Amino acid sequence: MEVWERAVKSGRYLRTVDEMPVRVLYPGRPSDQPGADFQDAVVDIDGRVAKGNVEVHVRSGDWRAHGHHRNAAYNGVVLHVVMWHDGEPLTALENGVGIPVVALGGKVGYDGGRQDRAPPLPCRGAAEDRITAAVDRAGDDRFREKAETFAGELCVMGPGQCIYRGIMTALGYTRNQSPFCSVAERLPLARLESIAGSQTGATALANLEALLLGTAGFLPSQRPGFTADSHPWIDTIEKQWRASGPAPGLAHHDWSLFRVRPGNHPARRLAGMARLLWRCRESGLLATLLAGLETANGWSGLIDVLTVAADGYWADHCDFGAACRGLDGFLVGKSRAGDIAVNVILPFAAAGSGTADQPGLAATNMALYETCPPAAENAIERHMRAQLGLKRSVINTARRQQGLLHLYKRFCTQGRCGECALAN
């Protein structure tokens, strides 16, 4: 992988093995997911801009030797980078598409006669105060975009369903946002709150958990060949699921579980959502969240509402039949609660939902957003800090975290360096 990073930093002009010029607009970032080595690269190949992934090998024949030509996870690759070329001019993807090959170890790999160099990324070497100002502005832009998205969604669904769907999507992180959203759409908030308000104690909680996990397709009975440990809680929620007249759940392959940390397993997050809804049963999810935001310290009040401790079966299990040591004791911890607050609750409030009789809420939540603390750092943030040369201590607010994400998604991965605030 280092060979690609060194080639880009060297500023060499690249050429494919069949003599097409290659200009790297953005080299991408090292991947933490199944598939190619680098994600979100942007390259200009003979005047045609391609956005996607980059795979790096010692020899071009390693592509087939590693079975990538049979693996759909590599269909997003747009450039195959090798040290030595020993195959066809184009590398074949699983879907039949052929992609160009660049060989860095031979003369065909780059234009060695050129005296000039490809320009480096324009953001490298910028002054820290200039970078942080641009990151703050980008964080504000991302916040406003989220608020506008919620405003549009409120035209087609009620405020309760809107915020519930937003929370569910946020519980899916990047990889599982789509299936979490599907569960929220198949299993509306109105049905869940009706159950939470009409049943008592453990019965209501078991029913909520059964519906959420069953709709997601995670119950042991929905997974052929799956063997779970014998436990009264499993028997209880399986019984509740059967009594609900169940519809088919999502397929297990709809979920991305590769390298998911045990504490972040979707089954635990769904169990956490069941407990959150049960805890909010008196006033409802929407009213409880807005009340938390209205407390003397709105941020901590909101985090208290969203944080869900692990109990019972889930105190020491990350999935059915998977006992785990060292879990942090939460189904939704403070870090994930902070992410939900920043990405869902605050922009939702800014969109005006549920605040007709609370005009001050929509007016003040932006100020809260500007000062709320950062959550745990993710792979994109680490990559952007390295790209910009920033210490972790500089990204001291959630606003700045959001700003890094906005710059990466709106400019870096779109090959729009020239339009970025850090370009000049």
Protein backbone atom coordinates (compact mmCIF):
# COMPACT_ATOMS: atom_id res chain seq x y z
CA MET A 1 0.00 0.00 0.00
CA GLU A 2 2.88 2.37 0.74
CA VAL A 3 4.03 2.20 -2.88
CA TRP A 4 0.87 4.04 -4.02
CA GLU A 5 1.23 6.72 -1.36
CA ARG A 6 4.90 7.25 -2.22
CA ALA A 7 4.15 7.46 -5.94
CA VAL A 8 1.48 10.11 -5.37
CA LYS A 9 3.62 12.16 -2.98
CA SER A 10 6.56 12.04 -5.38
CA GLY A 11 4.54 13.98 -7.91
CA ARG A 12 5.42 11.62 -10.76
CA TYR A 13 3.19 11.71 -13.80
CA LEU A 14 1.76 8.22 -14.22
CA ARG A 15 0.91 6.27 -17.34
CA THR A 16 -1.00 3.04 -17.79
CA VAL A 17 0.67 0.01 -19.35
CA ASP A 18 -1.10 0.83 -22.60
CA GLU A 19 0.31 4.38 -22.56
CA MET A 20 -2.66 6.41 -21.29
CA PRO A 21 -1.74 9.38 -19.06
CA VAL A 22 -3.00 9.24 -15.48
CA ARG A 23 -3.42 12.30 -13.26
CA VAL A 24 -4.23 11.67 -9.60
CA LEU A 25 -6.80 14.22 -8.42
CA TYR A 26 -7.19 12.52 -5.04
CA PRO A 27 -5.31 9.38 -3.93
CA GLY A 28 -8.06 8.13 -1.61
CA ARG A 29 -7.64 6.83 1.93
CA PRO A 30 -6.50 3.45 3.26
CA SER A 31 -9.53 1.20 3.53
CA ASP A 32 -10.87 -0.37 6.73
CA GLN A 33 -13.53 -2.38 4.87
CA PRO A 34 -13.57 -5.51 2.69
CA GLY A 35 -12.29 -4.90 -0.81
CA ALA A 36 -9.68 -2.60 -2.28
CA ASP A 37 -6.71 -1.05 -0.48
CA PHE A 38 -7.75 2.58 -1.00
CA GLN A 39 -11.25 4.05 -1.02
CA ASP A 40 -12.67 7.19 -2.61
CA ALA A 41 -9.84 7.96 -5.02
CA VAL A 42 -10.32 10.30 -7.99
CA VAL A 43 -8.15 9.86 -11.08
CA ASP A 44 -8.13 11.38 -14.53
CA ILE A 45 -7.30 8.65 -17.06
CA ASP A 46 -6.67 10.08 -20.51
CA GLY A 47 -9.14 12.92 -19.89
CA ARG A 48 -11.83 10.77 -18.27
CA VAL A 49 -12.39 11.31 -14.54
CA ALA A 50 -13.04 8.10 -12.58
CA LYS A 51 -14.11 7.99 -8.92
CA GLY A 52 -13.70 4.82 -6.91
CA ASN A 53 -11.13 2.57 -5.29
CA VAL A 54 -7.50 1.65 -5.96
CA GLU A 55 -6.01 -1.82 -5.47
CA VAL A 56 -2.25 -2.26 -5.07
CA HIS A 57 -0.25 -5.43 -5.81
CA VAL A 58 3.37 -6.40 -6.39
CA ARG A 59 2.46 -7.95 -9.76
CA SER A 60 -0.66 -7.53 -11.86
CA GLY A 61 -1.11 -11.31 -11.90
CA ASP A 62 -1.75 -11.17 -8.14
CA TRP A 63 -5.27 -9.89 -8.92
CA ARG A 64 -6.33 -13.31 -10.17
CA ALA A 65 -4.10 -15.18 -7.76
CA HIS A 66 -5.98 -13.53 -4.87
CA GLY A 67 -9.37 -14.25 -6.44
CA HIS A 68 -10.37 -10.61 -6.88
CA HIS A 69 -11.77 -11.33 -10.36
CA ARG A 70 -14.45 -13.45 -8.65
CA ASN A 71 -15.17 -11.03 -5.79
CA ALA A 72 -17.87 -8.37 -6.24
CA ALA A 73 -16.35 -6.36 -3.36
CA TYR A 74 -13.71 -5.22 -5.87
CA ASN A 75 -16.12 -3.98 -8.52
CA GLY A 76 -15.63 -0.41 -7.30
CA VAL A 77 -11.94 -0.43 -8.25
CA VAL A 78 -11.08 2.10 -10.99
CA LEU A 79 -7.28 1.68 -11.09
CA HIS A 80 -4.99 -1.33 -10.52
CA VAL A 81 -1.54 -0.20 -9.34
CA VAL A 82 1.37 -2.67 -9.41
CA MET A 83 5.13 -2.66 -9.17
CA TRP A 84 5.58 -5.05 -12.09
CA HIS A 85 3.20 -5.86 -14.92
CA ASP A 86 2.89 -9.48 -15.98
CA GLY A 87 -0.66 -9.71 -17.34
CA GLU A 88 -3.21 -8.19 -19.69
CA PRO A 89 -3.42 -4.42 -20.39
CA LEU A 90 -6.74 -4.29 -18.52
CA THR A 91 -7.62 -5.99 -15.24
CA ALA A 92 -10.98 -7.79 -15.27
CA LEU A 93 -13.48 -7.11 -12.47
CA GLU A 94 -16.09 -9.65 -11.33
CA ASN A 95 -18.76 -7.77 -13.31
CA GLY A 96 -16.78 -8.06 -16.53
CA VAL A 97 -15.54 -4.46 -16.66
CA GLY A 98 -11.86 -3.93 -17.51
CA ILE A 99 -9.85 -1.32 -15.56
CA PRO A 100 -6.45 0.25 -16.41
CA VAL A 101 -3.17 -0.93 -14.88
CA VAL A 102 -0.30 1.33 -13.79
CA ALA A 103 3.08 -0.35 -13.27
CA LEU A 104 5.34 1.76 -11.06
CA GLY A 105 8.45 -0.39 -11.33
CA GLY A 106 8.97 -0.11 -15.08
CA LYS A 107 9.42 2.70 -17.58
CA VAL A 108 5.79 2.44 -18.67
CA GLY A 109 4.66 3.37 -15.16
CA TYR A 110 5.41 7.06 -15.39
CA ASP A 111 6.79 9.74 -17.63
CA GLY A 112 10.39 9.77 -16.45
CA GLY A 113 11.38 12.42 -18.99
CA ARG A 114 9.18 15.11 -17.54
CA GLN A 115 11.08 17.72 -15.56
CA ASP A 116 8.00 19.20 -13.89
CA ARG A 117 5.93 17.48 -11.25
CA ALA A 118 2.22 16.95 -10.66
CA PRO A 119 1.00 19.51 -8.11
CA PRO A 120 0.54 18.22 -4.53
CA LEU A 121 -2.79 18.48 -2.75
CA PRO A 122 -3.35 22.22 -2.26
CA CYS A 123 -4.37 21.85 1.40
CA ARG A 124 -0.98 20.46 2.43
CA GLY A 125 1.15 23.00 4.24
CA ALA A 126 -1.63 25.52 4.93
CA ALA A 127 -1.41 27.48 8.19
CA GLU A 128 -3.27 25.91 11.11
CA ASP A 129 -5.48 28.96 11.80
CA ARG A 130 -6.55 29.02 8.17
CA ILE A 131 -7.32 25.30 8.25
CA THR A 132 -9.39 25.48 11.45
CA ALA A 133 -11.39 28.45 10.15
CA ALA A 134 -12.19 26.50 6.97
CA VAL A 135 -13.05 23.39 8.97
CA ASP A 136 -15.42 25.36 11.21
CA ARG A 137 -17.20 26.83 8.18
CA ALA A 138 -17.44 23.37 6.63
CA GLY A 139 -18.94 22.06 9.89
CA ASP A 140 -21.60 24.76 9.74
CA ASP A 141 -22.34 23.90 6.11
CA ARG A 142 -22.79 20.23 7.00
CA PHE A 143 -25.13 21.14 9.86
CA ARG A 144 -27.29 23.31 7.60
CA GLU A 145 -27.43 20.56 4.96
CA LYS A 146 -28.65 18.07 7.56
CA ALA A 147 -31.27 20.52 8.80
CA GLU A 148 -32.49 21.05 5.23
CA THR A 149 -32.71 17.28 4.73
CA PHE A 150 -34.86 16.92 7.84
CA ALA A 151 -37.06 19.80 6.70
CA GLY A 152 -37.68 17.94 3.44
CA GLU A 153 -38.42 14.66 5.22
CA LEU A 154 -40.94 16.41 7.47
CA CYS A 155 -43.00 17.16 4.38
CA VAL A 156 -43.63 13.42 3.90
CA MET A 157 -43.62 11.98 7.44
CA GLY A 158 -44.52 13.01 10.97
CA PRO A 159 -41.92 14.49 13.33
CA GLY A 160 -41.83 11.42 15.58
CA GLN A 161 -41.21 9.01 12.71
CA CYS A 162 -38.66 11.42 11.26
CA ILE A 163 -36.51 11.57 14.39
CA TYR A 164 -36.90 7.82 15.05
CA ARG A 165 -35.78 7.04 11.50
CA GLY A 166 -32.84 9.42 11.93
CA ILE A 167 -31.73 7.77 15.17
CA MET A 168 -32.05 4.30 13.68
CA THR A 169 -29.95 5.33 10.68
CA ALA A 170 -27.28 6.80 12.97
CA LEU A 171 -27.12 3.55 14.95
CA GLY A 172 -25.97 1.85 11.76
CA TYR A 173 -22.73 3.84 11.49
CA THR A 174 -21.56 4.03 7.87
CA ARG A 175 -21.82 0.38 6.86
CA ASN A 176 -25.29 -0.47 8.16
CA GLN A 177 -27.22 2.76 7.73
CA SER A 178 -29.36 1.31 4.95
CA PRO A 179 -30.61 -1.80 6.80
CA PHE A 180 -31.27 0.19 9.99
CA CYS A 181 -33.28 2.67 7.92
CA SER A 182 -35.19 -0.23 6.34
CA VAL A 183 -36.12 -1.54 9.79
CA ALA A 184 -37.42 1.91 10.77
CA GLU A 185 -39.55 2.08 7.64
CA ARG A 186 -40.92 -1.46 8.00
CA LEU A 187 -41.59 -0.98 11.71
CA PRO A 188 -43.01 2.54 12.26
CA LEU A 189 -42.62 4.42 15.53
CA ALA A 190 -46.40 4.63 16.02
CA ARG A 191 -46.64 0.85 16.34
CA LEU A 192 -43.73 0.63 18.76
CA GLU A 193 -44.99 3.48 20.96
CA SER A 194 -48.44 1.94 21.05
CA ILE A 195 -46.90 -1.26 22.43
CA ALA A 196 -44.70 0.62 24.90
CA GLY A 197 -47.69 2.58 26.22
CA SER A 198 -50.21 -0.24 26.44
CA GLN A 199 -48.18 -3.10 27.91
CA THR A 200 -46.36 -3.36 31.20
CA GLY A 201 -42.79 -3.91 32.34
CA ALA A 202 -40.83 -6.80 30.91
CA THR A 203 -43.66 -7.74 28.52
CA ALA A 204 -43.46 -4.41 26.70
CA LEU A 205 -39.67 -4.50 26.55
CA ALA A 206 -39.64 -8.06 25.24
CA ASN A 207 -42.21 -7.18 22.58
CA LEU A 208 -40.27 -4.11 21.45
CA GLU A 209 -37.03 -6.06 21.26
CA ALA A 210 -38.67 -8.97 19.46
CA LEU A 211 -40.15 -6.68 16.80
CA LEU A 212 -36.93 -4.77 16.21
CA LEU A 213 -34.64 -7.80 16.13
CA GLY A 214 -37.16 -9.88 14.18
CA THR A 215 -37.72 -7.19 11.56
CA ALA A 216 -33.94 -6.97 11.22
CA GLY A 217 -33.69 -10.75 10.80
CA PHE A 218 -31.39 -11.30 13.80
CA LEU A 219 -33.46 -13.73 15.88
CA PRO A 220 -31.94 -17.23 16.14
CA SER A 221 -35.03 -18.77 14.51
CA GLN A 222 -34.47 -16.63 11.41
CA ARG A 223 -30.89 -17.78 10.82
CA PRO A 224 -30.65 -21.26 9.26
CA GLY A 225 -28.04 -23.44 10.86
CA PHE A 226 -27.50 -20.94 13.67
CA THR A 227 -27.14 -22.27 17.20
CA ALA A 228 -27.71 -19.92 20.12
CA ASP A 229 -27.18 -20.58 23.79
CA SER A 230 -30.21 -21.63 25.83
CA HIS A 231 -31.52 -18.64 27.74
CA PRO A 232 -34.97 -17.63 29.10
CA TRP A 233 -34.75 -14.19 27.46
CA ILE A 234 -34.27 -15.73 24.02
CA ASP A 235 -37.29 -17.96 24.60
CA THR A 236 -39.32 -14.91 25.66
CA ILE A 237 -38.59 -12.73 22.66
CA GLU A 238 -38.95 -15.63 20.23
CA LYS A 239 -42.41 -16.26 21.70
CA GLN A 240 -43.29 -12.55 21.37
CA TRP A 241 -42.12 -12.54 17.75
CA ARG A 242 -44.29 -15.53 16.86
CA ALA A 243 -47.29 -13.94 18.58
CA SER A 244 -46.88 -10.72 16.58
CA GLY A 245 -47.85 -12.40 13.30
CA PRO A 246 -44.37 -11.72 11.94
CA ALA A 247 -43.56 -10.45 8.50
CA PRO A 248 -40.30 -11.63 6.88
CA GLY A 249 -37.23 -9.95 8.35
CA LEU A 250 -34.24 -8.59 6.47
CA ALA A 251 -31.84 -11.17 5.10
CA HIS A 252 -28.63 -11.73 7.02
CA HIS A 253 -26.57 -10.71 3.97
CA ASP A 254 -28.23 -7.27 4.09
CA TRP A 255 -25.98 -6.50 7.05
CA SER A 256 -22.26 -5.73 6.96
CA LEU A 257 -20.64 -7.45 9.93
CA PHE A 258 -17.03 -7.59 8.71
CA ARG A 259 -14.71 -6.15 11.38
CA VAL A 260 -17.63 -4.79 13.39
CA ARG A 261 -16.53 -4.41 17.00
CA PRO A 262 -18.47 -6.68 19.37
CA GLY A 263 -19.94 -3.75 21.28
CA ASN A 264 -21.17 -2.17 18.03
CA HIS A 265 -22.98 -5.25 16.70
CA PRO A 266 -26.36 -4.29 15.19
CA ALA A 267 -28.18 -6.72 17.50
CA ARG A 268 -26.93 -4.79 20.54
CA ARG A 269 -27.88 -1.46 18.97
CA LEU A 270 -31.40 -2.70 18.25
CA ALA A 271 -31.72 -3.98 21.81
CA GLY A 272 -30.64 -0.51 22.91
CA MET A 273 -33.32 1.10 20.74
CA ALA A 274 -35.94 -1.14 22.35
CA ARG A 275 -34.88 0.08 25.79
CA LEU A 276 -34.80 3.71 24.71
CA LEU A 277 -38.38 3.48 23.42
CA TRP A 278 -39.50 1.70 26.57
CA ARG A 279 -37.87 4.38 28.74
CA CYS A 280 -39.61 7.14 26.75
CA ARG A 281 -43.02 5.42 26.93
CA GLU A 282 -44.77 8.05 29.08
CA SER A 283 -44.18 11.12 26.89
CA GLY A 284 -43.00 9.50 23.68
CA LEU A 285 -39.59 9.56 21.99
CA LEU A 286 -39.87 13.00 20.40
CA ALA A 287 -41.15 14.85 23.49
CA THR A 288 -38.60 13.16 25.76
CA LEU A 289 -35.69 14.13 23.51
CA LEU A 290 -36.80 17.74 23.20
CA ALA A 291 -37.31 17.93 26.96
CA GLY A 292 -33.74 16.73 27.44
CA LEU A 293 -32.54 19.43 25.08
CA GLU A 294 -34.38 22.06 27.13
CA THR A 295 -32.66 21.24 30.41
CA ALA A 296 -30.25 23.73 32.00
CA ASN A 297 -27.36 22.03 30.24
CA GLY A 298 -29.01 20.93 27.03
CA TRP A 299 -26.07 18.84 25.84
CA SER A 300 -25.71 16.67 28.93
CA GLY A 301 -29.50 16.40 29.23
CA LEU A 302 -29.71 15.09 25.70
CA ILE A 303 -26.84 12.64 26.22
CA ASP A 304 -28.52 11.32 29.37
CA VAL A 305 -31.70 10.55 27.41
CA LEU A 306 -29.85 8.82 24.54
CA THR A 307 -27.43 6.74 26.63
CA VAL A 308 -28.69 3.19 27.26
CA ALA A 309 -27.03 0.83 29.73
CA ALA A 310 -26.74 -2.89 28.95
CA ASP A 311 -28.69 -5.27 31.14
CA GLY A 312 -29.86 -8.85 31.31
CA TYR A 313 -28.83 -11.01 28.36
CA TRP A 314 -27.09 -8.11 26.61
CA ALA A 315 -24.85 -7.28 29.55
CA ASP A 316 -22.37 -9.90 28.31
CA HIS A 317 -23.49 -10.78 24.76
CA CYS A 318 -22.73 -9.01 21.48
CA ASP A 319 -25.08 -11.25 19.48
CA PHE A 320 -27.24 -14.27 20.16
CA GLY A 321 -25.00 -17.13 21.19
CA ALA A 322 -21.94 -14.86 21.31
CA ALA A 323 -20.87 -14.14 24.88
CA CYS A 324 -18.19 -11.42 25.01
CA ARG A 325 -15.86 -10.22 27.71
CA GLY A 326 -14.81 -6.63 28.09
CA LEU A 327 -18.01 -4.97 26.83
CA ASP A 328 -18.31 -1.39 28.04
CA GLY A 329 -21.65 -1.84 29.80
CA PHE A 330 -23.71 0.17 27.30
CA LEU A 331 -25.97 -0.68 24.39
CA VAL A 332 -25.77 2.98 23.37
CA GLY A 333 -22.77 4.63 25.00
CA LYS A 334 -22.06 8.32 25.50
CA SER A 335 -19.91 8.53 22.37
CA ARG A 336 -22.64 7.07 20.12
CA ALA A 337 -25.21 9.21 21.95
CA GLY A 338 -23.10 12.26 21.10
CA ASP A 339 -22.98 11.25 17.43
CA ILE A 340 -26.77 10.91 17.39
CA ALA A 341 -27.21 14.27 19.08
CA VAL A 342 -24.95 16.03 16.57
CA ASN A 343 -26.14 14.26 13.41
CA VAL A 344 -29.83 13.91 14.23
CA ILE A 345 -31.30 15.76 17.21
CA LEU A 346 -29.70 19.20 16.82
CA PRO A 347 -30.22 19.55 13.04
CA PHE A 348 -33.73 18.12 13.46
CA ALA A 349 -34.49 20.85 15.99
CA ALA A 350 -33.01 23.43 13.63
CA ALA A 351 -35.43 22.25 10.95
CA GLY A 352 -38.23 23.46 13.23
CA SER A 353 -39.76 20.07 13.98
CA GLY A 354 -41.87 19.98 17.11
CA THR A 355 -40.80 23.48 18.13
CA ALA A 356 -43.82 25.58 17.17
CA ASP A 357 -44.39 26.33 20.86
CA GLN A 358 -40.66 26.45 21.63
CA PRO A 359 -39.23 29.14 19.33
CA GLY A 360 -36.07 29.50 21.42
CA LEU A 361 -35.02 25.92 20.84
CA ALA A 362 -34.47 26.24 17.10
CA ALA A 363 -32.69 29.58 17.66
CA THR A 364 -30.19 28.30 20.24
CA ASN A 365 -29.26 24.78 19.14
CA MET A 366 -26.72 26.06 16.60
CA ALA A 367 -24.77 27.67 19.44
CA LEU A 368 -24.89 24.37 21.30
CA TYR A 369 -23.58 22.58 18.22
CA GLU A 370 -20.62 24.96 17.99
CA THR A 371 -19.40 24.07 21.47
CA CYS A 372 -20.41 20.44 22.09
CA PRO A 373 -17.45 18.07 22.61
CA PRO A 374 -16.11 15.73 19.94
CA ALA A 375 -17.10 12.08 19.79
CA ALA A 376 -14.74 9.17 19.20
CA GLU A 377 -12.56 9.66 16.13
CA ASN A 378 -13.35 7.57 13.05
CA ALA A 379 -11.20 6.48 10.11
CA ILE A 380 -12.13 9.41 7.86
CA GLU A 381 -11.30 11.96 10.56
CA ARG A 382 -7.91 10.33 11.21
CA HIS A 383 -7.19 10.39 7.50
CA MET A 384 -8.17 14.05 7.16
CA ARG A 385 -6.12 15.08 10.18
CA ALA A 386 -3.08 13.37 8.66
CA GLN A 387 -3.77 15.00 5.30
CA LEU A 388 -4.04 18.45 6.86
CA GLY A 389 -1.28 17.94 9.42
CA LEU A 390 -3.50 18.56 12.45
CA LYS A 391 -3.04 17.24 15.97
CA ARG A 392 -5.99 15.45 17.61
CA SER A 393 -6.26 18.25 20.18
CA VAL A 394 -7.12 20.77 17.44
CA ILE A 395 -10.34 18.88 16.59
CA ASN A 396 -11.84 19.83 19.95
CA THR A 397 -15.52 20.16 19.02
CA ALA A 398 -18.07 18.03 17.20
CA ARG A 399 -18.43 20.95 14.81
CA ARG A 400 -14.83 20.47 13.66
CA GLN A 401 -15.29 16.72 13.35
CA GLN A 402 -18.27 17.38 11.11
CA GLY A 403 -16.22 19.91 9.16
CA LEU A 404 -13.55 17.32 8.34
CA LEU A 405 -16.23 14.92 7.12
CA HIS A 406 -17.81 17.64 4.99
CA LEU A 407 -14.52 18.60 3.33
CA TYR A 408 -13.71 14.96 2.63
CA LYS A 409 -17.09 14.08 1.14
CA ARG A 410 -17.84 17.29 -0.75
CA PHE A 411 -14.39 18.15 -2.06
CA CYS A 412 -11.67 15.51 -1.62
CA THR A 413 -13.63 12.53 -2.90
CA GLN A 414 -15.16 14.54 -5.73
CA GLY A 415 -11.83 15.76 -7.12
CA ARG A 416 -12.83 19.34 -6.34
CA CYS A 417 -9.60 20.50 -4.72
CA GLY A 418 -9.63 23.71 -6.73
CA GLU A 419 -12.99 24.71 -5.24
CA CYS A 420 -12.05 23.98 -1.61
CA ALA A 421 -11.51 26.87 0.80
CA LEU A 422 -7.98 25.57 1.38
CA ALA A 423 -7.01 25.63 -2.31
CA ASN A 424 -5.57 29.14 -2.41
